[in-house]
C-alpha atoms as a PDB file:
ATOM      1  CA  MET A   1      -0.165  -0.191   0.317  1.00  0.00           C
ATOM      2  CA  GLU A   2       0.910   3.561  -1.108  1.00  0.00           C
ATOM      3  CA  LEU A   3      -0.273   6.697   0.260  1.00  0.00           C
ATOM      4  CA  TYR A   4      -0.030   9.763  -1.526  1.00  0.00           C
ATOM      5  CA  LEU A   5      -0.817  13.012   0.840  1.00  0.00           C
ATOM      6  CA  VAL A   6      -2.019  16.166  -0.430  1.00  0.00           C
ATOM      7  CA  ARG A   7      -2.470  19.076   1.416  1.00  0.00           C
ATOM      8  CA  HIS A   8      -5.138  21.612  -0.184  1.00  0.00           C
ATOM      9  CA  GLY A   9      -4.159  24.679  -2.005  1.00  0.00           C
ATOM     10  CA  GLU A  10      -3.814  28.168  -0.829  1.00  0.00           C
ATOM     11  CA  THR A  11      -6.622  29.868   0.879  1.00  0.00           C
ATOM     12  CA  GLU A  12      -6.632  33.470   2.489  1.00  0.00           C
ATOM     13  CA  TRP A  13      -6.267  32.740   6.128  1.00  0.00           C
ATOM     14  CA  SER A  14      -3.095  30.128   5.014  1.00  0.00           C
ATOM     15  CA  ARG A  15      -1.788  32.731   3.115  1.00  0.00           C
ATOM     16  CA  ALA A  16      -2.172  34.982   6.085  1.00  0.00           C
ATOM     17  CA  ARG A  17      -0.848  32.301   8.408  1.00  0.00           C
ATOM     18  CA  ARG A  18      -3.471  31.858  10.643  1.00  0.00           C
ATOM     19  CA  HIS A  19      -4.733  28.620  12.129  1.00  0.00           C
ATOM     20  CA  THR A  20      -7.672  27.040   9.878  1.00  0.00           C
ATOM     21  CA  GLY A  21      -9.127  24.182  11.737  1.00  0.00           C
ATOM     22  CA  ARG A  22     -13.263  23.726  11.079  1.00  0.00           C
ATOM     23  CA  THR A  23     -13.637  27.077   9.205  1.00  0.00           C
ATOM     24  CA  ASP A  24     -14.647  25.903   6.218  1.00  0.00           C
ATOM     25  CA  LEU A  25     -12.928  28.769   3.675  1.00  0.00           C
ATOM     26  CA  PRO A  26     -12.520  28.401   0.061  1.00  0.00           C
ATOM     27  CA  LEU A  27      -9.427  27.971  -1.785  1.00  0.00           C
ATOM     28  CA  SER A  28      -7.880  31.422  -2.959  1.00  0.00           C
ATOM     29  CA  PRO A  29      -7.509  31.846  -6.542  1.00  0.00           C
ATOM     30  CA  ALA A  30      -3.593  30.929  -6.399  1.00  0.00           C
ATOM     31  CA  GLY A  31      -5.149  28.047  -4.570  1.00  0.00           C
ATOM     32  CA  GLU A  32      -7.403  26.846  -7.377  1.00  0.00           C
ATOM     33  CA  ALA A  33      -4.280  27.376  -9.853  1.00  0.00           C
ATOM     34  CA  GLU A  34      -2.020  25.187  -7.676  1.00  0.00           C
ATOM     35  CA  ALA A  35      -4.965  22.388  -7.658  1.00  0.00           C
ATOM     36  CA  ARG A  36      -5.346  22.506 -11.494  1.00  0.00           C
ATOM     37  CA  ALA A  37      -1.386  22.439 -11.813  1.00  0.00           C
ATOM     38  CA  LEU A  38      -1.155  19.525  -9.395  1.00  0.00           C
ATOM     39  CA  GLY A  39      -3.545  17.618 -11.791  1.00  0.00           C
ATOM     40  CA  ARG A  40      -1.438  18.102 -14.584  1.00  0.00           C
ATOM     41  CA  HIS A  41       1.517  16.983 -12.744  1.00  0.00           C
ATOM     42  CA  LEU A  42      -0.351  13.683 -11.609  1.00  0.00           C
ATOM     43  CA  ARG A  43      -1.965  13.210 -14.982  1.00  0.00           C
ATOM     44  CA  GLY A  44      -1.629   9.296 -15.561  1.00  0.00           C
ATOM     45  CA  LEU A  45      -1.031   8.707 -11.915  1.00  0.00           C
ATOM     46  CA  GLU A  46      -3.475   5.480 -11.123  1.00  0.00           C
ATOM     47  CA  VAL A  47      -4.839   5.438  -8.071  1.00  0.00           C
ATOM     48  CA  ASP A  48      -7.337   2.798  -6.001  1.00  0.00           C
ATOM     49  CA  ARG A  49      -9.166   5.175  -4.013  1.00  0.00           C
ATOM     50  CA  VAL A  50      -9.289   8.787  -3.347  1.00  0.00           C
ATOM     51  CA  LEU A  51     -10.259  10.096   0.502  1.00  0.00           C
ATOM     52  CA  SER A  52     -10.703  13.644   1.529  1.00  0.00           C
ATOM     53  CA  SER A  53     -11.565  16.028   4.501  1.00  0.00           C
ATOM     54  CA  PRO A  54     -15.168  16.929   3.926  1.00  0.00           C
ATOM     55  CA  LEU A  55     -13.949  20.854   4.304  1.00  0.00           C
ATOM     56  CA  THR A  56     -13.995  22.648   0.715  1.00  0.00           C
ATOM     57  CA  ARG A  57     -10.455  23.685   0.941  1.00  0.00           C
ATOM     58  CA  ALA A  58      -9.515  19.846   0.666  1.00  0.00           C
ATOM     59  CA  ALA A  59     -12.428  18.852  -1.639  1.00  0.00           C
ATOM     60  CA  SER A  60     -11.916  21.483  -3.935  1.00  0.00           C
ATOM     61  CA  THR A  61      -8.344  20.746  -4.131  1.00  0.00           C
ATOM     62  CA  ALA A  62      -8.934  16.849  -5.113  1.00  0.00           C
ATOM     63  CA  ARG A  63     -11.789  18.143  -7.814  1.00  0.00           C
ATOM     64  CA  LEU A  64      -9.976  20.516  -9.490  1.00  0.00           C
ATOM     65  CA  ALA A  65      -6.854  18.125  -9.754  1.00  0.00           C
ATOM     66  CA  GLY A  66      -8.908  15.658 -11.393  1.00  0.00           C
ATOM     67  CA  PHE A  67      -9.736  13.090  -8.870  1.00  0.00           C
ATOM     68  CA  GLY A  68     -13.273  14.362  -7.905  1.00  0.00           C
ATOM     69  CA  ASP A  69     -14.880  11.651  -9.778  1.00  0.00           C
ATOM     70  CA  ARG A  70     -14.175   8.757  -6.675  1.00  0.00           C
ATOM     71  CA  LEU A  71     -13.861  10.990  -3.789  1.00  0.00           C
ATOM     72  CA  GLU A  72     -14.719   9.316  -0.526  1.00  0.00           C
ATOM     73  CA  ALA A  73     -15.273  12.209   2.060  1.00  0.00           C
ATOM     74  CA  THR A  74     -14.162  11.316   5.673  1.00  0.00           C
ATOM     75  CA  ASP A  75     -13.977  13.164   9.140  1.00  0.00           C
ATOM     76  CA  THR A  76     -10.586  11.397   9.828  1.00  0.00           C
ATOM     77  CA  LEU A  77      -9.081  13.338   7.535  1.00  0.00           C
ATOM     78  CA  LEU A  78     -10.319  16.995   9.227  1.00  0.00           C
ATOM     79  CA  GLU A  79      -7.689  19.576  10.503  1.00  0.00           C
ATOM     80  CA  VAL A  80      -6.889  19.907  14.129  1.00  0.00           C
ATOM     81  CA  ASP A  81      -9.594  21.399  15.797  1.00  0.00           C
ATOM     82  CA  TYR A  82      -8.289  24.800  16.903  1.00  0.00           C
ATOM     83  CA  GLY A  83     -11.020  25.739  19.080  1.00  0.00           C
ATOM     84  CA  ASP A  84     -10.312  29.001  20.844  1.00  0.00           C
ATOM     85  CA  TYR A  85      -7.309  29.448  18.922  1.00  0.00           C
ATOM     86  CA  GLU A  86      -8.951  29.231  15.457  1.00  0.00           C
ATOM     87  CA  GLY A  87      -8.348  32.101  12.876  1.00  0.00           C
ATOM     88  CA  LEU A  88      -5.396  33.418  15.166  1.00  0.00           C
ATOM     89  CA  THR A  89      -1.311  33.221  14.026  1.00  0.00           C
ATOM     90  CA  THR A  90       1.129  31.721  16.708  1.00  0.00           C
ATOM     91  CA  PRO A  91       2.322  35.340  17.247  1.00  0.00           C
ATOM     92  CA  GLU A  92      -0.751  36.103  18.263  1.00  0.00           C
ATOM     93  CA  ILE A  93      -1.259  32.983  20.475  1.00  0.00           C
ATOM     94  CA  ARG A  94       1.990  33.374  22.195  1.00  0.00           C
ATOM     95  CA  ALA A  95       1.204  37.200  23.268  1.00  0.00           C
ATOM     96  CA  SER A  96      -0.760  35.618  25.685  1.00  0.00           C
ATOM     97  CA  ARG A  97       0.643  32.301  26.139  1.00  0.00           C
ATOM     98  CA  PRO A  98       4.077  32.603  25.794  1.00  0.00           C
ATOM     99  CA  GLY A  99       6.070  29.426  24.673  1.00  0.00           C
ATOM    100  CA  TRP A 100       2.832  27.742  23.250  1.00  0.00           C
ATOM    101  CA  ASP A 101       3.293  24.410  21.283  1.00  0.00           C
ATOM    102  CA  LEU A 102       0.474  23.178  19.156  1.00  0.00           C
ATOM    103  CA  PHE A 103       1.920  19.549  19.859  1.00  0.00           C
ATOM    104  CA  ARG A 104       2.748  19.694  23.237  1.00  0.00           C
ATOM    105  CA  ASP A 105      -0.462  21.911  24.520  1.00  0.00           C
ATOM    106  CA  GLY A 106      -2.844  21.486  22.487  1.00  0.00           C
ATOM    107  CA  CYS A 107      -5.691  24.203  22.283  1.00  0.00           C
ATOM    108  CA  PRO A 108      -8.382  24.940  24.543  1.00  0.00           C
ATOM    109  CA  GLY A 109     -11.972  24.092  23.553  1.00  0.00           C
ATOM    110  CA  GLY A 110     -10.244  21.914  20.636  1.00  0.00           C
ATOM    111  CA  GLU A 111      -8.033  19.015  20.079  1.00  0.00           C
ATOM    112  CA  THR A 112      -4.798  17.851  21.751  1.00  0.00           C
ATOM    113  CA  ALA A 113      -2.111  16.279  18.918  1.00  0.00           C
ATOM    114  CA  GLU A 114      -3.229  12.849  21.002  1.00  0.00           C
ATOM    115  CA  ASP A 115      -7.003  13.308  19.549  1.00  0.00           C
ATOM    116  CA  ALA A 116      -5.781  14.042  16.139  1.00  0.00           C
ATOM    117  CA  ALA A 117      -3.912  10.934  16.368  1.00  0.00           C
ATOM    118  CA  ALA A 118      -6.611   8.741  17.326  1.00  0.00           C
ATOM    119  CA  ARG A 119      -8.457   9.954  14.134  1.00  0.00           C
ATOM    120  CA  ALA A 120      -5.011   9.267  11.940  1.00  0.00           C
ATOM    121  CA  ARG A 121      -4.898   5.937  13.501  1.00  0.00           C
ATOM    122  CA  ALA A 122      -8.845   5.083  13.160  1.00  0.00           C
ATOM    123  CA  LEU A 123      -7.969   5.962   9.161  1.00  0.00           C
ATOM    124  CA  LEU A 124      -4.800   3.826   8.893  1.00  0.00           C
ATOM    125  CA  ASP A 125      -6.252   0.910  10.617  1.00  0.00           C
ATOM    126  CA  GLY A 126      -9.118   0.817   8.173  1.00  0.00           C
ATOM    127  CA  LEU A 127      -6.898   0.581   5.341  1.00  0.00           C
ATOM    128  CA  THR A 128      -4.994  -2.429   3.962  1.00  0.00           C
ATOM    129  CA  ASP A 129      -2.863  -3.600   1.332  1.00  0.00           C
ATOM    130  CA  ALA A 130      -5.668  -4.340  -0.811  1.00  0.00           C
ATOM    131  CA  ASP A 131      -6.271  -0.713  -1.343  1.00  0.00           C
ATOM    132  CA  GLY A 132      -3.320  -0.634  -3.386  1.00  0.00           C
ATOM    133  CA  ARG A 133      -2.232   3.126  -3.928  1.00  0.00           C
ATOM    134  CA  VAL A 134      -4.462   5.815  -1.905  1.00  0.00           C
ATOM    135  CA  MET A 135      -4.863   9.449  -2.072  1.00  0.00           C
ATOM    136  CA  LEU A 136      -5.675  11.670   0.800  1.00  0.00           C
ATOM    137  CA  PHE A 137      -6.717  15.134   0.781  1.00  0.00           C
ATOM    138  CA  SER A 138      -6.581  16.768   3.764  1.00  0.00           C
ATOM    139  CA  HIS A 139      -4.508  19.506   5.933  1.00  0.00           C
ATOM    140  CA  GLY A 140      -1.184  20.634   6.974  1.00  0.00           C
ATOM    141  CA  HIS A 141      -1.299  19.689  10.714  1.00  0.00           C
ATOM    142  CA  GLN A 142      -3.319  16.418  10.447  1.00  0.00           C
ATOM    143  CA  LEU A 143      -1.266  14.916   7.688  1.00  0.00           C
ATOM    144  CA  ARG A 144       1.864  15.517   9.552  1.00  0.00           C
ATOM    145  CA  ILE A 145       0.199  13.804  12.705  1.00  0.00           C
ATOM    146  CA  LEU A 146      -1.003  11.268  10.195  1.00  0.00           C
ATOM    147  CA  THR A 147       2.625  10.666   8.797  1.00  0.00           C
ATOM    148  CA  ALA A 148       3.890  10.215  12.561  1.00  0.00           C
ATOM    149  CA  CYS A 149       1.605   7.716  13.450  1.00  0.00           C
ATOM    150  CA  TYR A 150       2.400   5.861  10.092  1.00  0.00           C
ATOM    151  CA  LEU A 151       6.129   5.686  10.905  1.00  0.00           C
ATOM    152  CA  GLY A 152       5.082   4.457  14.510  1.00  0.00           C
ATOM    153  CA  LEU A 153       6.621   7.663  15.993  1.00  0.00           C
ATOM    154  CA  PRO A 154       4.849   9.861  18.907  1.00  0.00           C
ATOM    155  CA  PRO A 155       2.057  12.232  17.412  1.00  0.00           C
ATOM    156  CA  ASP A 156       4.664  15.297  18.614  1.00  0.00           C
ATOM    157  CA  ALA A 157       6.983  13.802  16.012  1.00  0.00           C
ATOM    158  CA  ALA A 158       5.026  16.088  13.529  1.00  0.00           C
ATOM    159  CA  ARG A 159       6.353  19.317  14.276  1.00  0.00           C
ATOM    160  CA  HIS A 160       9.770  18.474  12.669  1.00  0.00           C
ATOM    161  CA  LEU A 161       7.499  17.712   9.371  1.00  0.00           C
ATOM    162  CA  PHE A 162       6.691  20.581   7.586  1.00  0.00           C
ATOM    163  CA  LEU A 163       4.286  20.917   4.849  1.00  0.00           C
ATOM    164  CA  GLY A 164       3.698  23.621   2.434  1.00  0.00           C
ATOM    165  CA  THR A 165       0.074  24.267   0.537  1.00  0.00           C
ATOM    166  CA  ALA A 166      -0.306  22.312  -2.643  1.00  0.00           C
ATOM    167  CA  SER A 167       2.055  19.604  -1.565  1.00  0.00           C
ATOM    168  CA  LEU A 168       2.523  15.951  -2.404  1.00  0.00           C
ATOM    169  CA  SER A 169       4.364  13.498   0.085  1.00  0.00           C
ATOM    170  CA  VAL A 170       4.066   9.633  -0.686  1.00  0.00           C
ATOM    171  CA  LEU A 171       4.201   7.117   2.399  1.00  0.00           C
ATOM    172  CA  GLY A 172       5.006   3.466   1.563  1.00  0.00           C
ATOM    173  CA  ILE A 173       7.551   0.607   2.736  1.00  0.00           C
ATOM    174  CA  GLU A 174      11.047   0.261   2.499  1.00  0.00           C
ATOM    175  CA  HIS A 175      12.881  -3.112   2.998  1.00  0.00           C
ATOM    176  CA  GLU A 176       9.664  -3.669   5.274  1.00  0.00           C
ATOM    177  CA  TRP A 177       9.923  -0.783   7.298  1.00  0.00           C
ATOM    178  CA  PRO A 178       7.208   2.412   7.020  1.00  0.00           C
ATOM    179  CA  ALA A 179       9.032   4.861   5.038  1.00  0.00           C
ATOM    180  CA  ILE A 180       8.770   8.478   3.677  1.00  0.00           C
ATOM    181  CA  LEU A 181       9.333   8.274   0.101  1.00  0.00           C
ATOM    182  CA  LEU A 182       8.825  11.817  -0.488  1.00  0.00           C
ATOM    183  CA  TRP A 183       7.822  14.783   1.075  1.00  0.00           C
ATOM    184  CA  ASN A 184       6.697  18.369   0.515  1.00  0.00           C
ATOM    185  CA  GLU A 185       7.105  18.173  -3.368  1.00  0.00           C
ATOM    186  CA  GLN A 186       5.355  21.568  -4.464  1.00  0.00           C
ATOM    187  CA  GLU A 187       7.011  21.825  -7.384  1.00  0.00           C
ATOM    188  CA  GLY A 188       4.651  20.136  -9.619  1.00  0.00           C
ATOM    189  CA  SER A 189       1.867  22.421  -8.060  1.00  0.00           C
ATOM    190  CA  GLY A 190       3.918  25.505  -8.480  1.00  0.00           C
ATOM    191  CA  ALA A 191       3.110  26.333  -4.822  1.00  0.00           C
ATOM    192  CA  HIS A 192       6.812  26.965  -3.961  1.00  0.00           C
ATOM    193  CA  THR A 193       6.934  29.906  -5.919  1.00  0.00           C
ATOM    194  CA  ALA A 194       4.237  31.553  -4.060  1.00  0.00           C
ATOM    195  CA  GLU A 195       5.889  30.609  -0.693  1.00  0.00           C
ATOM    196  CA  SER A 196       9.476  31.594  -1.510  1.00  0.00           C
ATOM    197  CA  GLY A 197       9.142  35.056   0.210  1.00  0.00           C
ATOM    198  CA  THR A 198       8.184  33.319   3.246  1.00  0.00           C
ATOM    199  CA  THR A 199      11.315  34.065   5.724  1.00  0.00           C
ATOM    200  CA  GLY A 200      13.172  30.864   6.913  1.00  0.00           C
ATOM    201  CA  TRP A 201      11.683  29.027   3.975  1.00  0.00           C
ATOM    202  CA  ARG A 202      14.042  28.243   1.039  1.00  0.00           C
ATOM    203  CA  GLY A 203      16.897  29.861   2.233  1.00  0.00           C
ATOM    204  CA  VAL A 204      14.833  33.101   2.560  1.00  0.00           C
ATOM    205  CA  PRO A 205      16.948  35.645   5.627  1.00  0.00           C
ATOM    206  CA  ALA A 206      15.219  37.281   8.298  1.00  0.00           C
ATOM    207  CA  PRO A 207      14.345  40.883   7.915  1.00  0.00           C
ATOM    208  CA  VAL A 208      17.048  43.408   8.093  1.00  0.00           C
ATOM    209  CA  PRO A 209      16.552  46.403  10.470  1.00  0.00           C
ATOM    210  CA  GLY A 210      15.540  49.213   7.867  1.00  0.00           C
ATOM    211  CA  ARG A 211      14.702  46.645   4.688  1.00  0.00           C
ATOM    212  CA  PRO A 212      11.319  45.603   3.970  1.00  0.00           C
ATOM    213  CA  ALA A 213      10.334  42.367   5.406  1.00  0.00           C
ATOM    214  CA  ALA A 214       9.234  39.197   3.354  1.00  0.00           C
ATOM    215  CA  GLY A 215       5.397  38.891   2.529  1.00  0.00           C
ATOM    216  CA  PRO A 216       3.654  36.326   4.980  1.00  0.00           C
ATOM    217  CA  GLY A 217       3.776  32.603   3.829  1.00  0.00           C
ATOM    218  CA  PRO A 218       1.499  29.682   4.296  1.00  0.00           C
ATOM    219  CA  ASP A 219       0.654  28.082   7.641  1.00  0.00           C
ATOM    220  CA  GLN A 220      -1.191  24.657   8.449  1.00  0.00           C
ATOM    221  CA  GLY A 221      -4.883  24.072   8.132  1.00  0.00           C
END
């Protein structure tokens, strides 16, 4: 069995680095273009099942990429519920809760990393080798936590697995061990060009005093 993981294309909130959990936002025009480009990149790929979060930004990415005809919606692929932190950026959260870390602290009124991992494990437990190649259209933090679970790692290991928008990753088996076969490939969707102005991403330096800062880049959601 192989799992092809696709994080949805850009939304206005992901571009502004706002935590986007259960708020059902559409793709931005750039996100729609990313999804179509990803579809061209994957043209000819044969898959056995296509699963998606029911939220618009994930399901639309699947449809625009050409996989809508077999789409199966499942709540196990919903993004982490950010509760009281929905719509906030990490700096905004840390202004009132210094040192906050999603994977350690969770979200008041929402989920912990372990809550999200329980949903991920339920999905993984329901898949078998007979499912063959499975496409999963979902969200940044949930796919990162799912990957940690697939690898047999604790959910907080997901903090080390960055995912950009409209990215493609592949999980499979290498010498009988669960393995990452591809991670955060954005060249097919073109999303890497939209993120090239994000500080700390792809070698973009931190702002220099007196010079304009780089534009915002996508966060999870």
